[in-house]
Amino acid sequence: MSHFTIALSSAVILLASIIPDGAHAQRRRVFDKPTISSVPDGTSVFYDDGKCPKGQIARFHKRLRREELTRQCVPRRGKGQGGQGSRRG
């Protein structure tokens, strides 16, 4: 294995450890009702508002440089991937 390959592999591993995973950086479950001021631009949050069909959860999304939230019912995923569990509050 060449020194270049080793250096490149090390750089990729280092970058992978410091760059957050897109799913975790952009989506999370919240337990308070999302508002325009509580959701960062360009991100989605999941909140169980009790209005979606069984097996689904509401996804609130705020687009970049827009002062509006969109809401959509989406399938629930496994724990830590956008919401599973009971509704709070």
PDB file of N, CA and C in Angstrom:
ATOM      1  N   MET A   1       0.850  -1.167   0.000  1.00  0.00           N
ATOM      2  CA  MET A   1       0.000   0.000   0.000  1.00  0.00           C
ATOM      3  C   MET A   1       0.901   1.237   0.000  1.00  0.00           C
ATOM      4  N   SER A   2       0.640   2.166  -0.868  1.00  0.00           N
ATOM      5  CA  SER A   2       1.491   3.349  -0.989  1.00  0.00           C
ATOM      6  C   SER A   2       1.198   4.352   0.130  1.00  0.00           C
ATOM      7  N   HIS A   3       2.146   5.252   0.323  1.00  0.00           N
ATOM      8  CA  HIS A   3       1.963   6.298   1.338  1.00  0.00           C
ATOM      9  C   HIS A   3       0.773   7.189   0.992  1.00  0.00           C
ATOM     10  N   PHE A   4       0.566   7.419  -0.313  1.00  0.00           N
ATOM     11  CA  PHE A   4      -0.559   8.243  -0.750  1.00  0.00           C
ATOM     12  C   PHE A   4      -1.886   7.601  -0.366  1.00  0.00           C
ATOM     13  N   THR A   5      -2.017   6.294  -0.586  1.00  0.00           N
ATOM     14  CA  THR A   5      -3.249   5.577  -0.256  1.00  0.00           C
ATOM     15  C   THR A   5      -3.505   5.612   1.243  1.00  0.00           C
ATOM     16  N   ILE A   6      -2.482   5.428   2.022  1.00  0.00           N
ATOM     17  CA  ILE A   6      -2.614   5.469   3.485  1.00  0.00           C
ATOM     18  C   ILE A   6      -3.038   6.869   3.935  1.00  0.00           C
ATOM     19  N   ALA A   7      -2.408   7.900   3.366  1.00  0.00           N
ATOM     20  CA  ALA A   7      -2.744   9.276   3.731  1.00  0.00           C
ATOM     21  C   ALA A   7      -4.180   9.603   3.324  1.00  0.00           C
ATOM     22  N   LEU A   8      -4.585   9.182   2.146  1.00  0.00           N
ATOM     23  CA  LEU A   8      -5.937   9.433   1.673  1.00  0.00           C
ATOM     24  C   LEU A   8      -6.960   8.717   2.556  1.00  0.00           C
ATOM     25  N   SER A   9      -6.686   7.479   2.902  1.00  0.00           N
ATOM     26  CA  SER A   9      -7.588   6.723   3.772  1.00  0.00           C
ATOM     27  C   SER A   9      -7.713   7.388   5.137  1.00  0.00           C
ATOM     28  N   SER A  10      -6.602   7.852   5.668  1.00  0.00           N
ATOM     29  CA  SER A  10      -6.621   8.531   6.967  1.00  0.00           C
ATOM     30  C   SER A  10      -7.432   9.808   6.900  1.00  0.00           C
ATOM     31  N   ALA A  11      -7.292  10.560   5.810  1.00  0.00           N
ATOM     32  CA  ALA A  11      -8.043  11.810   5.648  1.00  0.00           C
ATOM     33  C   ALA A  11      -9.543  11.536   5.577  1.00  0.00           C
ATOM     34  N   VAL A  12      -9.938  10.497   4.851  1.00  0.00           N
ATOM     35  CA  VAL A  12     -11.354  10.151   4.739  1.00  0.00           C
ATOM     36  C   VAL A  12     -11.916   9.759   6.097  1.00  0.00           C
ATOM     37  N   ILE A  13     -11.196   8.967   6.849  1.00  0.00           N
ATOM     38  CA  ILE A  13     -11.644   8.556   8.177  1.00  0.00           C
ATOM     39  C   ILE A  13     -11.767   9.765   9.089  1.00  0.00           C
ATOM     40  N   LEU A  14     -10.807  10.669   9.047  1.00  0.00           N
ATOM     41  CA  LEU A  14     -10.842  11.869   9.880  1.00  0.00           C
ATOM     42  C   LEU A  14     -12.043  12.735   9.522  1.00  0.00           C
ATOM     43  N   LEU A  15     -12.264  12.965   8.229  1.00  0.00           N
ATOM     44  CA  LEU A  15     -13.401  13.783   7.812  1.00  0.00           C
ATOM     45  C   LEU A  15     -14.730  13.138   8.189  1.00  0.00           C
ATOM     46  N   ALA A  16     -14.829  11.838   8.036  1.00  0.00           N
ATOM     47  CA  ALA A  16     -16.061  11.147   8.386  1.00  0.00           C
ATOM     48  C   ALA A  16     -16.373  11.264   9.865  1.00  0.00           C
ATOM     49  N   SER A  17     -15.355  11.372  10.680  1.00  0.00           N
ATOM     50  CA  SER A  17     -15.587  11.459  12.122  1.00  0.00           C
ATOM     51  C   SER A  17     -15.984  12.856  12.570  1.00  0.00           C
ATOM     52  N   ILE A  18     -15.652  13.898  11.784  1.00  0.00           N
ATOM     53  CA  ILE A  18     -15.989  15.251  12.229  1.00  0.00           C
ATOM     54  C   ILE A  18     -17.170  15.856  11.476  1.00  0.00           C
ATOM     55  N   ILE A  19     -17.558  15.303  10.337  1.00  0.00           N
ATOM     56  CA  ILE A  19     -18.715  15.801   9.602  1.00  0.00           C
ATOM     57  C   ILE A  19     -19.932  15.030  10.085  1.00  0.00           C
ATOM     58  N   PRO A  20     -20.956  15.738  10.573  1.00  0.00           N
ATOM     59  CA  PRO A  20     -22.132  15.030  11.075  1.00  0.00           C
ATOM     60  C   PRO A  20     -22.882  14.324   9.964  1.00  0.00           C
ATOM     61  N   ASP A  21     -23.473  13.209  10.299  1.00  0.00           N
ATOM     62  CA  ASP A  21     -24.302  12.464   9.363  1.00  0.00           C
ATOM     63  C   ASP A  21     -25.497  13.322   8.978  1.00  0.00           C
ATOM     64  N   GLY A  22     -25.832  13.372   7.697  1.00  0.00           N
ATOM     65  CA  GLY A  22     -26.908  14.221   7.210  1.00  0.00           C
ATOM     66  C   GLY A  22     -28.233  13.989   7.921  1.00  0.00           C
ATOM     67  N   ALA A  23     -28.587  12.734   8.164  1.00  0.00           N
ATOM     68  CA  ALA A  23     -29.862  12.453   8.812  1.00  0.00           C
ATOM     69  C   ALA A  23     -29.898  13.001  10.237  1.00  0.00           C
ATOM     70  N   HIS A  24     -28.814  12.862  10.954  1.00  0.00           N
ATOM     71  CA  HIS A  24     -28.789  13.348  12.325  1.00  0.00           C
ATOM     72  C   HIS A  24     -28.657  14.867  12.387  1.00  0.00           C
ATOM     73  N   ALA A  25     -27.976  15.443  11.410  1.00  0.00           N
ATOM     74  CA  ALA A  25     -27.777  16.884  11.418  1.00  0.00           C
ATOM     75  C   ALA A  25     -29.038  17.617  10.972  1.00  0.00           C
ATOM     76  N   GLN A  26     -29.843  17.009  10.130  1.00  0.00           N
ATOM     77  CA  GLN A  26     -30.975  17.690   9.531  1.00  0.00           C
ATOM     78  C   GLN A  26     -32.323  17.323  10.133  1.00  0.00           C
ATOM     79  N   ARG A  27     -32.428  16.228  10.831  1.00  0.00           N
ATOM     80  CA  ARG A  27     -33.726  15.776  11.347  1.00  0.00           C
ATOM     81  C   ARG A  27     -33.603  15.298  12.777  1.00  0.00           C
ATOM     82  N   ARG A  28     -34.615  15.651  13.567  1.00  0.00           N
ATOM     83  CA  ARG A  28     -34.632  15.177  14.947  1.00  0.00           C
ATOM     84  C   ARG A  28     -36.056  15.219  15.456  1.00  0.00           C
ATOM     85  N   ARG A  29     -36.314  14.480  16.508  1.00  0.00           N
ATOM     86  CA  ARG A  29     -37.636  14.452  17.125  1.00  0.00           C
ATOM     87  C   ARG A  29     -37.671  15.494  18.221  1.00  0.00           C
ATOM     88  N   VAL A  30     -38.751  16.245  18.278  1.00  0.00           N
ATOM     89  CA  VAL A  30     -38.921  17.250  19.319  1.00  0.00           C
ATOM     90  C   VAL A  30     -40.193  16.938  20.096  1.00  0.00           C
ATOM     91  N   PHE A  31     -40.267  17.444  21.325  1.00  0.00           N
ATOM     92  CA  PHE A  31     -41.412  17.170  22.182  1.00  0.00           C
ATOM     93  C   PHE A  31     -42.232  18.418  22.484  1.00  0.00           C
ATOM     94  N   ASP A  32     -41.813  19.555  21.938  1.00  0.00           N
ATOM     95  CA  ASP A  32     -42.589  20.789  22.008  1.00  0.00           C
ATOM     96  C   ASP A  32     -43.018  21.135  20.594  1.00  0.00           C
ATOM     97  N   LYS A  33     -44.216  21.709  20.444  1.00  0.00           N
ATOM     98  CA  LYS A  33     -44.726  22.019  19.110  1.00  0.00           C
ATOM     99  C   LYS A  33     -43.754  22.938  18.370  1.00  0.00           C
ATOM    100  N   PRO A  34     -43.354  22.555  17.149  1.00  0.00           N
ATOM    101  CA  PRO A  34     -42.407  23.367  16.383  1.00  0.00           C
ATOM    102  C   PRO A  34     -43.004  24.730  16.008  1.00  0.00           C
ATOM    103  N   THR A  35     -42.164  25.748  16.038  1.00  0.00           N
ATOM    104  CA  THR A  35     -42.533  27.083  15.593  1.00  0.00           C
ATOM    105  C   THR A  35     -41.480  27.553  14.596  1.00  0.00           C
ATOM    106  N   ILE A  36     -41.790  28.622  13.893  1.00  0.00           N
ATOM    107  CA  ILE A  36     -40.831  29.157  12.921  1.00  0.00           C
ATOM    108  C   ILE A  36     -39.509  29.476  13.595  1.00  0.00           C
ATOM    109  N   SER A  37     -39.561  30.007  14.808  1.00  0.00           N
ATOM    110  CA  SER A  37     -38.321  30.392  15.488  1.00  0.00           C
ATOM    111  C   SER A  37     -37.581  29.206  16.103  1.00  0.00           C
ATOM    112  N   SER A  38     -38.258  28.075  16.315  1.00  0.00           N
ATOM    113  CA  SER A  38     -37.584  26.939  16.959  1.00  0.00           C
ATOM    114  C   SER A  38     -36.956  25.957  15.972  1.00  0.00           C
ATOM    115  N   VAL A  39     -37.309  26.065  14.694  1.00  0.00           N
ATOM    116  CA  VAL A  39     -36.764  25.154  13.685  1.00  0.00           C
ATOM    117  C   VAL A  39     -35.735  25.917  12.848  1.00  0.00           C
ATOM    118  N   PRO A  40     -34.474  25.484  12.866  1.00  0.00           N
ATOM    119  CA  PRO A  40     -33.446  26.158  12.068  1.00  0.00           C
ATOM    120  C   PRO A  40     -33.729  26.051  10.566  1.00  0.00           C
ATOM    121  N   ASP A  41     -33.299  27.050   9.816  1.00  0.00           N
ATOM    122  CA  ASP A  41     -33.467  27.037   8.363  1.00  0.00           C
ATOM    123  C   ASP A  41     -32.892  25.765   7.756  1.00  0.00           C
ATOM    124  N   GLY A  42     -33.615  25.195   6.805  1.00  0.00           N
ATOM    125  CA  GLY A  42     -33.124  24.038   6.064  1.00  0.00           C
ATOM    126  C   GLY A  42     -33.194  22.722   6.818  1.00  0.00           C
ATOM    127  N   THR A  43     -33.955  22.677   7.908  1.00  0.00           N
ATOM    128  CA  THR A  43     -34.027  21.434   8.674  1.00  0.00           C
ATOM    129  C   THR A  43     -35.466  20.961   8.823  1.00  0.00           C
ATOM    130  N   SER A  44     -35.594  19.694   9.192  1.00  0.00           N
ATOM    131  CA  SER A  44     -36.888  19.095   9.488  1.00  0.00           C
ATOM    132  C   SER A  44     -36.859  18.570  10.910  1.00  0.00           C
ATOM    133  N   VAL A  45     -38.011  18.640  11.570  1.00  0.00           N
ATOM    134  CA  VAL A  45     -38.159  18.026  12.890  1.00  0.00           C
ATOM    135  C   VAL A  45     -39.432  17.197  12.866  1.00  0.00           C
ATOM    136  N   PHE A  46     -39.459  16.184  13.708  1.00  0.00           N
ATOM    137  CA  PHE A  46     -40.618  15.317  13.823  1.00  0.00           C
ATOM    138  C   PHE A  46     -41.310  15.607  15.143  1.00  0.00           C
ATOM    139  N   TYR A  47     -42.647  15.724  15.078  1.00  0.00           N
ATOM    140  CA  TYR A  47     -43.435  16.024  16.276  1.00  0.00           C
ATOM    141  C   TYR A  47     -44.761  15.287  16.165  1.00  0.00           C
ATOM    142  N   ASP A  48     -45.107  14.551  17.199  1.00  0.00           N
ATOM    143  CA  ASP A  48     -46.366  13.807  17.208  1.00  0.00           C
ATOM    144  C   ASP A  48     -47.472  14.739  17.692  1.00  0.00           C
ATOM    145  N   ASP A  49     -48.172  15.342  16.728  1.00  0.00           N
ATOM    146  CA  ASP A  49     -49.252  16.267  17.086  1.00  0.00           C
ATOM    147  C   ASP A  49     -50.602  15.568  17.191  1.00  0.00           C
ATOM    148  N   GLY A  50     -50.629  14.255  16.993  1.00  0.00           N
ATOM    149  CA  GLY A  50     -51.854  13.482  17.126  1.00  0.00           C
ATOM    150  C   GLY A  50     -52.784  13.594  15.930  1.00  0.00           C
ATOM    151  N   LYS A  51     -52.371  14.255  14.862  1.00  0.00           N
ATOM    152  CA  LYS A  51     -53.228  14.463  13.698  1.00  0.00           C
ATOM    153  C   LYS A  51     -52.926  13.511  12.541  1.00  0.00           C
ATOM    154  N   CYS A  52     -51.858  12.758  12.632  1.00  0.00           N
ATOM    155  CA  CYS A  52     -51.486  11.836  11.545  1.00  0.00           C
ATOM    156  C   CYS A  52     -52.097  10.459  11.795  1.00  0.00           C
ATOM    157  N   PRO A  53     -52.298   9.679  10.728  1.00  0.00           N
ATOM    158  CA  PRO A  53     -52.810   8.315  10.888  1.00  0.00           C
ATOM    159  C   PRO A  53     -51.859   7.450  11.719  1.00  0.00           C
ATOM    160  N   LYS A  54     -52.396   6.359  12.237  1.00  0.00           N
ATOM    161  CA  LYS A  54     -51.588   5.434  13.026  1.00  0.00           C
ATOM    162  C   LYS A  54     -50.360   4.999  12.226  1.00  0.00           C
ATOM    163  N   GLY A  55     -49.209   4.963  12.894  1.00  0.00           N
ATOM    164  CA  GLY A  55     -47.967   4.549  12.251  1.00  0.00           C
ATOM    165  C   GLY A  55     -47.241   5.681  11.546  1.00  0.00           C
ATOM    166  N   GLN A  56     -47.783   6.909  11.652  1.00  0.00           N
ATOM    167  CA  GLN A  56     -47.137   8.048  11.023  1.00  0.00           C
ATOM    168  C   GLN A  56     -46.890   9.152  12.051  1.00  0.00           C
ATOM    169  N   ILE A  57     -46.012  10.063  11.698  1.00  0.00           N
ATOM    170  CA  ILE A  57     -45.668  11.194  12.562  1.00  0.00           C
ATOM    171  C   ILE A  57     -45.557  12.436  11.674  1.00  0.00           C
ATOM    172  N   ALA A  58     -45.822  13.599  12.262  1.00  0.00           N
ATOM    173  CA  ALA A  58     -45.757  14.843  11.490  1.00  0.00           C
ATOM    174  C   ALA A  58     -44.307  15.300  11.350  1.00  0.00           C
ATOM    175  N   ARG A  59     -43.954  15.657  10.123  1.00  0.00           N
ATOM    176  CA  ARG A  59     -42.636  16.236   9.859  1.00  0.00           C
ATOM    177  C   ARG A  59     -42.843  17.708   9.531  1.00  0.00           C
ATOM    178  N   PHE A  60     -42.190  18.574  10.291  1.00  0.00           N
ATOM    179  CA  PHE A  60     -42.239  20.004  10.053  1.00  0.00           C
ATOM    180  C   PHE A  60     -40.909  20.403   9.436  1.00  0.00           C
ATOM    181  N   HIS A  61     -40.968  21.124   8.315  1.00  0.00           N
ATOM    182  CA  HIS A  61     -39.758  21.496   7.594  1.00  0.00           C
ATOM    183  C   HIS A  61     -39.739  22.998   7.364  1.00  0.00           C
ATOM    184  N   LYS A  62     -38.571  23.608   7.588  1.00  0.00           N
ATOM    185  CA  LYS A  62     -38.386  25.038   7.324  1.00  0.00           C
ATOM    186  C   LYS A  62     -37.340  25.167   6.223  1.00  0.00           C
ATOM    187  N   ARG A  63     -37.748  25.720   5.097  1.00  0.00           N
ATOM    188  CA  ARG A  63     -36.833  25.909   3.975  1.00  0.00           C
ATOM    189  C   ARG A  63     -35.873  27.043   4.268  1.00  0.00           C
ATOM    190  N   LEU A  64     -34.763  27.027   3.567  1.00  0.00           N
ATOM    191  CA  LEU A  64     -33.765  28.082   3.731  1.00  0.00           C
ATOM    192  C   LEU A  64     -34.357  29.442   3.394  1.00  0.00           C
ATOM    193  N   ARG A  65     -34.106  30.402   4.253  1.00  0.00           N
ATOM    194  CA  ARG A  65     -34.511  31.798   4.058  1.00  0.00           C
ATOM    195  C   ARG A  65     -36.007  31.968   3.805  1.00  0.00           C
ATOM    196  N   ARG A  66     -36.815  31.121   4.407  1.00  0.00           N
ATOM    197  CA  ARG A  66     -38.275  31.251   4.311  1.00  0.00           C
ATOM    198  C   ARG A  66     -38.844  31.304   5.717  1.00  0.00           C
ATOM    199  N   GLU A  67     -39.828  32.121   5.909  1.00  0.00           N
ATOM    200  CA  GLU A  67     -40.462  32.244   7.221  1.00  0.00           C
ATOM    201  C   GLU A  67     -41.766  31.458   7.255  1.00  0.00           C
ATOM    202  N   GLU A  68     -41.671  30.166   6.905  1.00  0.00           N
ATOM    203  CA  GLU A  68     -42.840  29.300   6.948  1.00  0.00           C
ATOM    204  C   GLU A  68     -42.418  27.867   7.247  1.00  0.00           C
ATOM    205  N   LEU A  69     -43.322  27.147   7.888  1.00  0.00           N
ATOM    206  CA  LEU A  69     -43.118  25.720   8.158  1.00  0.00           C
ATOM    207  C   LEU A  69     -44.094  24.936   7.308  1.00  0.00           C
ATOM    208  N   THR A  70     -43.627  23.849   6.721  1.00  0.00           N
ATOM    209  CA  THR A  70     -44.535  22.934   6.049  1.00  0.00           C
ATOM    210  C   THR A  70     -44.710  21.721   6.948  1.00  0.00           C
ATOM    211  N   ARG A  71     -45.874  21.106   6.893  1.00  0.00           N
ATOM    212  CA  ARG A  71     -46.185  19.943   7.716  1.00  0.00           C
ATOM    213  C   ARG A  71     -46.621  18.811   6.804  1.00  0.00           C
ATOM    214  N   GLN A  72     -46.104  17.604   7.083  1.00  0.00           N
ATOM    215  CA  GLN A  72     -46.439  16.435   6.281  1.00  0.00           C
ATOM    216  C   GLN A  72     -46.407  15.212   7.174  1.00  0.00           C
ATOM    217  N   CYS A  73     -47.390  14.329   7.026  1.00  0.00           N
ATOM    218  CA  CYS A  73     -47.378  13.061   7.751  1.00  0.00           C
ATOM    219  C   CYS A  73     -46.468  12.090   7.011  1.00  0.00           C
ATOM    220  N   VAL A  74     -45.559  11.467   7.747  1.00  0.00           N
ATOM    221  CA  VAL A  74     -44.611  10.521   7.160  1.00  0.00           C
ATOM    222  C   VAL A  74     -44.578   9.260   8.025  1.00  0.00           C
ATOM    223  N   PRO A  75     -44.175   8.122   7.448  1.00  0.00           N
ATOM    224  CA  PRO A  75     -44.085   6.892   8.246  1.00  0.00           C
ATOM    225  C   PRO A  75     -43.077   7.049   9.383  1.00  0.00           C
ATOM    226  N   ARG A  76     -43.437   6.475  10.522  1.00  0.00           N
ATOM    227  CA  ARG A  76     -42.478   6.449  11.638  1.00  0.00           C
ATOM    228  C   ARG A  76     -41.342   5.517  11.278  1.00  0.00           C
ATOM    229  N   ARG A  77     -40.174   5.811  11.815  1.00  0.00           N
ATOM    230  CA  ARG A  77     -39.004   4.956  11.606  1.00  0.00           C
ATOM    231  C   ARG A  77     -38.577   4.407  12.950  1.00  0.00           C
ATOM    232  N   GLY A  78     -37.499   3.630  12.931  1.00  0.00           N
ATOM    233  CA  GLY A  78     -36.979   3.065  14.170  1.00  0.00           C
ATOM    234  C   GLY A  78     -36.496   4.141  15.119  1.00  0.00           C
ATOM    235  N   LYS A  79     -36.286   3.750  16.346  1.00  0.00           N
ATOM    236  CA  LYS A  79     -35.853   4.666  17.388  1.00  0.00           C
ATOM    237  C   LYS A  79     -34.599   5.429  16.961  1.00  0.00           C
ATOM    238  N   GLY A  80     -34.597   6.750  17.148  1.00  0.00           N
ATOM    239  CA  GLY A  80     -33.464   7.582  16.802  1.00  0.00           C
ATOM    240  C   GLY A  80     -33.446   8.036  15.352  1.00  0.00           C
ATOM    241  N   GLN A  81     -34.460   7.642  14.571  1.00  0.00           N
ATOM    242  CA  GLN A  81     -34.479   8.029  13.167  1.00  0.00           C
ATOM    243  C   GLN A  81     -35.723   8.833  12.833  1.00  0.00           C
ATOM    244  N   GLY A  82     -36.157   9.656  13.740  1.00  0.00           N
ATOM    245  CA  GLY A  82     -37.275  10.498  13.389  1.00  0.00           C
ATOM    246  C   GLY A  82     -38.538  10.218  14.157  1.00  0.00           C
ATOM    247  N   GLY A  83     -38.446   9.386  15.129  1.00  0.00           N
ATOM    248  CA  GLY A  83     -39.581   9.315  16.029  1.00  0.00           C
ATOM    249  C   GLY A  83     -40.254   7.985  16.126  1.00  0.00           C
ATOM    250  N   GLN A  84     -40.250   7.485  17.309  1.00  0.00           N
ATOM    251  CA  GLN A  84     -41.017   6.318  17.664  1.00  0.00           C
ATOM    252  C   GLN A  84     -41.286   6.450  19.147  1.00  0.00           C
ATOM    253  N   GLY A  85     -42.412   6.042  19.563  1.00  0.00           N
ATOM    254  CA  GLY A  85     -42.703   6.138  20.985  1.00  0.00           C
ATOM    255  C   GLY A  85     -43.988   6.895  21.207  1.00  0.00           C
ATOM    256  N   SER A  86     -44.272   7.160  22.461  1.00  0.00           N
ATOM    257  CA  SER A  86     -45.540   7.786  22.800  1.00  0.00           C
ATOM    258  C   SER A  86     -45.459   9.293  22.687  1.00  0.00           C
ATOM    259  N   ARG A  87     -46.616   9.889  22.555  1.00  0.00           N
ATOM    260  CA  ARG A  87     -46.714  11.340  22.448  1.00  0.00           C
ATOM    261  C   ARG A  87     -46.563  11.966  23.814  1.00  0.00           C
ATOM    262  N   ARG A  88     -45.855  13.073  23.865  1.00  0.00           N
ATOM    263  CA  ARG A  88     -45.713  13.826  25.109  1.00  0.00           C
ATOM    264  C   ARG A  88     -46.411  15.155  24.944  1.00  0.00           C
ATOM    265  N   GLY A  89     -46.948  15.642  26.056  1.00  0.00           N
ATOM    266  CA  GLY A  89     -47.459  16.986  26.175  1.00  0.00           C
ATOM    267  C   GLY A  89     -48.564  17.319  25.326  1.00  0.00           C
TER     268      GLY A  89
END
